[in-house]
Amino acid sequence: MESDIEQVLWTAADIEQRVKELAAAISRDLASHTPLLLLGVATGAFMLVADLARHLKLPVLVDFIRVQSYGNNTQSSGVATVSSCDAKINVKGKHILLVEDIIDTGVTLSALVDHLLERGAASISVCALLDKVCRRRVGLTLPSNGRLYAGFQVRGGLRHGFRGALPKPPIRGSTQTASLPELQVRLTVHCGESQY
């Protein structure tokens, strides 16, 4: 797999520093939104949720929700469904920080924001480690008091490695699909035809 790596995009130290910066900004901007519900989107965000929770300087609740727009396909269907009914914590009246590993087309995130607003969330902000702006098909509209926090903007190529089987692997760029350990993240995020 190492021979497939073209370049290291962000080292473990880069990622750790950026997460601390995001947590500081969130702590400052959302200080009056407590307790803040960190709502991880699917399981891909669990490491980012944990790292943010450690660095935030305000009280938090943590839960996860599953949403999908891929189904059994390799490309987004363009329609997102909330597949695990709801978060276990009642979101009515809660200030929510949706935590995503990557924002891609925006379809899933947009549907999730609408879903949470329908259930009475007091506010919704979003934090994503990677933001794939060039792939956006749906504009991300947050409530007037919502904010978007993005760790890194990514362009084309394969991205993998935010944590996983190794202690702290960097995020690397590759042109080939590789078989990865179970906990590593593998995303193909081309601007154009996606090979997800």
Protein backbone atom coordinates (compact mmCIF):
# COMPACT_ATOMS: atom_id res chain seq x y z
CA MET A 1 0.00 0.00 0.00
CA GLU A 2 2.84 2.43 0.78
CA SER A 3 3.95 2.23 -2.88
CA ASP A 4 0.52 3.55 -3.95
CA ILE A 5 0.95 6.75 -1.93
CA GLU A 6 1.66 9.81 -4.02
CA GLN A 7 1.96 12.27 -1.14
CA VAL A 8 1.06 12.84 2.47
CA LEU A 9 -1.51 15.61 2.50
CA TRP A 10 -1.83 16.16 6.24
CA THR A 11 0.24 14.49 8.92
CA ALA A 12 -1.18 13.27 12.22
CA ALA A 13 0.24 16.42 13.81
CA ASP A 14 -1.48 18.61 11.17
CA ILE A 15 -4.80 16.88 11.82
CA GLU A 16 -4.45 17.10 15.59
CA GLN A 17 -3.59 20.81 15.40
CA ARG A 18 -6.52 21.52 13.07
CA VAL A 19 -8.97 19.67 15.33
CA LYS A 20 -7.74 21.76 18.29
CA GLU A 21 -8.28 24.93 16.23
CA LEU A 22 -11.79 23.82 15.27
CA ALA A 23 -12.60 23.00 18.91
CA ALA A 24 -11.35 26.43 20.02
CA ALA A 25 -13.50 28.20 17.42
CA ILE A 26 -16.56 26.10 18.28
CA SER A 27 -16.03 26.69 22.02
CA ARG A 28 -15.86 30.44 21.41
CA ASP A 29 -18.69 30.73 18.87
CA LEU A 30 -21.15 28.35 20.54
CA ALA A 31 -20.44 29.16 24.19
CA SER A 32 -24.06 30.14 24.79
CA HIS A 33 -25.35 26.94 23.11
CA THR A 34 -24.92 24.54 26.01
CA PRO A 35 -25.10 21.73 26.47
CA LEU A 36 -24.02 21.23 22.87
CA LEU A 37 -25.13 17.94 21.29
CA LEU A 38 -22.33 16.47 19.18
CA LEU A 39 -24.26 14.39 16.67
CA GLY A 40 -21.92 12.15 14.70
CA VAL A 41 -23.12 11.25 11.23
CA ALA A 42 -22.84 7.46 10.87
CA THR A 43 -19.74 5.75 12.20
CA GLY A 44 -17.25 7.54 9.93
CA ALA A 45 -17.24 10.52 12.26
CA PHE A 46 -16.64 8.71 15.55
CA MET A 47 -12.92 9.57 15.85
CA LEU A 48 -13.55 13.24 15.04
CA VAL A 49 -16.43 13.31 17.56
CA ALA A 50 -14.12 11.87 20.25
CA ASP A 51 -11.29 14.28 19.45
CA LEU A 52 -13.60 17.30 19.41
CA ALA A 53 -15.25 16.26 22.69
CA ARG A 54 -11.83 16.12 24.36
CA HIS A 55 -10.86 19.60 23.19
CA LEU A 56 -14.13 21.53 23.51
CA LYS A 57 -14.29 23.91 26.47
CA LEU A 58 -18.03 23.55 27.02
CA PRO A 59 -20.42 20.85 28.21
CA VAL A 60 -21.42 18.34 25.53
CA LEU A 61 -23.75 15.44 24.92
CA VAL A 62 -22.81 12.81 22.30
CA ASP A 63 -24.98 10.72 20.00
CA PHE A 64 -24.88 9.29 16.48
CA ILE A 65 -27.34 9.12 13.60
CA ARG A 66 -27.26 7.14 10.35
CA VAL A 67 -28.12 8.76 7.05
CA GLN A 68 -27.48 7.38 3.60
CA SER A 69 -27.65 8.51 0.00
CA TYR A 70 -25.50 5.71 -1.45
CA GLY A 71 -27.58 2.62 -0.57
CA ASN A 72 -25.86 -0.35 -2.21
CA ASN A 73 -24.42 1.81 -4.99
CA THR A 74 -21.02 3.43 -5.39
CA GLN A 75 -22.46 6.82 -6.26
CA SER A 76 -24.95 8.97 -4.40
CA SER A 77 -28.53 8.34 -5.45
CA GLY A 78 -29.26 12.02 -4.94
CA VAL A 79 -31.85 11.13 -2.29
CA ALA A 80 -30.87 10.81 1.36
CA THR A 81 -32.77 8.86 3.97
CA VAL A 82 -32.35 8.90 7.71
CA SER A 83 -31.88 5.18 8.28
CA SER A 84 -31.74 4.85 12.06
CA CYS A 85 -34.95 6.71 12.81
CA ASP A 86 -33.50 9.32 15.12
CA ALA A 87 -30.79 9.99 17.59
CA LYS A 88 -31.37 8.37 20.96
CA ILE A 89 -31.21 11.80 22.60
CA ASN A 90 -34.32 13.88 21.93
CA VAL A 91 -33.15 16.76 19.71
CA LYS A 92 -36.10 19.06 20.47
CA GLY A 93 -34.76 22.32 21.88
CA LYS A 94 -31.14 21.13 21.62
CA HIS A 95 -28.22 23.01 20.10
CA ILE A 96 -26.65 20.54 17.66
CA LEU A 97 -23.21 20.28 16.13
CA LEU A 98 -23.41 17.75 13.30
CA VAL A 99 -20.01 16.08 12.97
CA GLU A 100 -19.09 14.58 9.57
CA ASP A 101 -15.91 12.97 8.31
CA ILE A 102 -16.43 14.50 4.84
CA ILE A 103 -18.98 16.73 3.15
CA ASP A 104 -19.28 15.57 -0.45
CA THR A 105 -22.36 16.30 -2.58
CA GLY A 106 -24.28 17.91 0.29
CA VAL A 107 -27.35 15.71 -0.34
CA THR A 108 -27.06 13.74 2.88
CA LEU A 109 -26.20 16.71 5.06
CA SER A 110 -29.00 18.85 3.65
CA ALA A 111 -31.56 16.11 4.31
CA LEU A 112 -30.25 15.66 7.83
CA VAL A 113 -30.46 19.39 8.61
CA ASP A 114 -34.09 19.40 7.40
CA HIS A 115 -34.83 16.26 9.45
CA LEU A 116 -33.43 17.81 12.65
CA LEU A 117 -35.24 21.11 12.11
CA GLU A 118 -38.53 19.21 11.70
CA ARG A 119 -37.84 17.59 15.08
CA GLY A 120 -37.39 20.94 16.78
CA ALA A 121 -33.62 21.45 17.08
CA ALA A 122 -32.89 24.89 18.56
CA SER A 123 -29.81 25.41 16.37
CA ILE A 124 -27.69 23.40 13.95
CA SER A 125 -24.04 23.89 13.08
CA VAL A 126 -21.76 21.52 11.17
CA CYS A 127 -18.15 20.42 11.66
CA ALA A 128 -16.42 18.27 9.02
CA LEU A 129 -12.83 17.14 8.84
CA LEU A 130 -12.84 17.25 5.02
CA ASP A 131 -14.95 19.49 2.78
CA LYS A 132 -15.22 18.48 -0.89
CA VAL A 133 -16.62 21.78 -2.18
CA CYS A 134 -16.07 20.96 -5.87
CA ARG A 135 -18.46 17.96 -5.59
CA ARG A 136 -21.34 19.91 -4.04
CA ARG A 137 -24.66 19.31 -5.80
CA VAL A 138 -26.87 20.75 -3.06
CA GLY A 139 -26.16 24.02 -1.31
CA LEU A 140 -25.76 23.69 2.43
CA THR A 141 -28.30 25.97 4.11
CA LEU A 142 -28.05 26.20 7.88
CA PRO A 143 -30.48 28.03 10.15
CA SER A 144 -29.57 31.70 10.65
CA ASN A 145 -27.60 30.96 13.80
CA GLY A 146 -25.81 27.90 12.31
CA ARG A 147 -22.12 27.80 11.40
CA LEU A 148 -19.94 25.60 9.21
CA TYR A 149 -16.54 24.48 10.52
CA ALA A 150 -14.34 22.68 7.98
CA GLY A 151 -10.95 21.18 8.80
CA PHE A 152 -9.51 20.93 5.29
CA GLN A 153 -10.81 21.51 1.78
CA VAL A 154 -9.94 18.63 -0.55
CA ARG A 155 -9.64 18.38 -4.29
CA GLY A 156 -9.49 15.20 -6.44
CA GLY A 157 -7.89 11.88 -5.55
CA LEU A 158 -8.23 9.13 -3.00
CA ARG A 159 -8.15 10.07 0.68
CA HIS A 160 -7.61 7.63 3.49
CA GLY A 161 -6.19 7.43 6.93
CA PHE A 162 -7.85 9.60 9.59
CA ARG A 163 -6.87 7.34 12.46
CA GLY A 164 -7.51 3.63 12.04
CA ALA A 165 -5.40 0.56 12.65
CA LEU A 166 -2.20 2.56 13.03
CA PRO A 167 -1.84 4.89 16.03
CA LYS A 168 -2.14 8.16 14.07
CA PRO A 169 -1.74 7.71 10.30
CA PRO A 170 -1.68 10.82 8.14
CA ILE A 171 -4.21 11.51 5.42
CA ARG A 172 -2.60 10.46 2.19
CA GLY A 173 -3.33 10.95 -1.50
CA SER A 174 -3.36 7.98 -3.84
CA THR A 175 -4.45 7.25 -7.37
CA GLN A 176 -5.21 3.58 -6.69
CA THR A 177 -7.82 1.87 -4.54
CA ALA A 178 -6.19 -0.10 -1.74
CA SER A 179 -7.49 -2.65 0.71
CA LEU A 180 -7.42 -0.98 4.11
CA PRO A 181 -7.77 -2.19 7.70
CA GLU A 182 -11.31 -2.21 9.03
CA LEU A 183 -11.20 1.07 10.95
CA GLN A 184 -9.45 3.17 8.34
CA VAL A 185 -11.46 5.55 6.19
CA ARG A 186 -11.27 5.14 2.40
CA LEU A 187 -12.86 7.73 0.16
CA THR A 188 -12.40 8.35 -3.52
CA VAL A 189 -13.36 11.96 -4.01
CA HIS A 190 -12.78 13.03 -7.59
CA CYS A 191 -14.22 16.24 -9.04
CA GLY A 192 -16.26 14.69 -11.81
CA GLU A 193 -17.08 11.01 -11.87
CA SER A 194 -16.95 9.73 -8.31
CA GLN A 195 -15.59 6.28 -7.66
CA TYR A 196 -16.50 6.36 -3.96
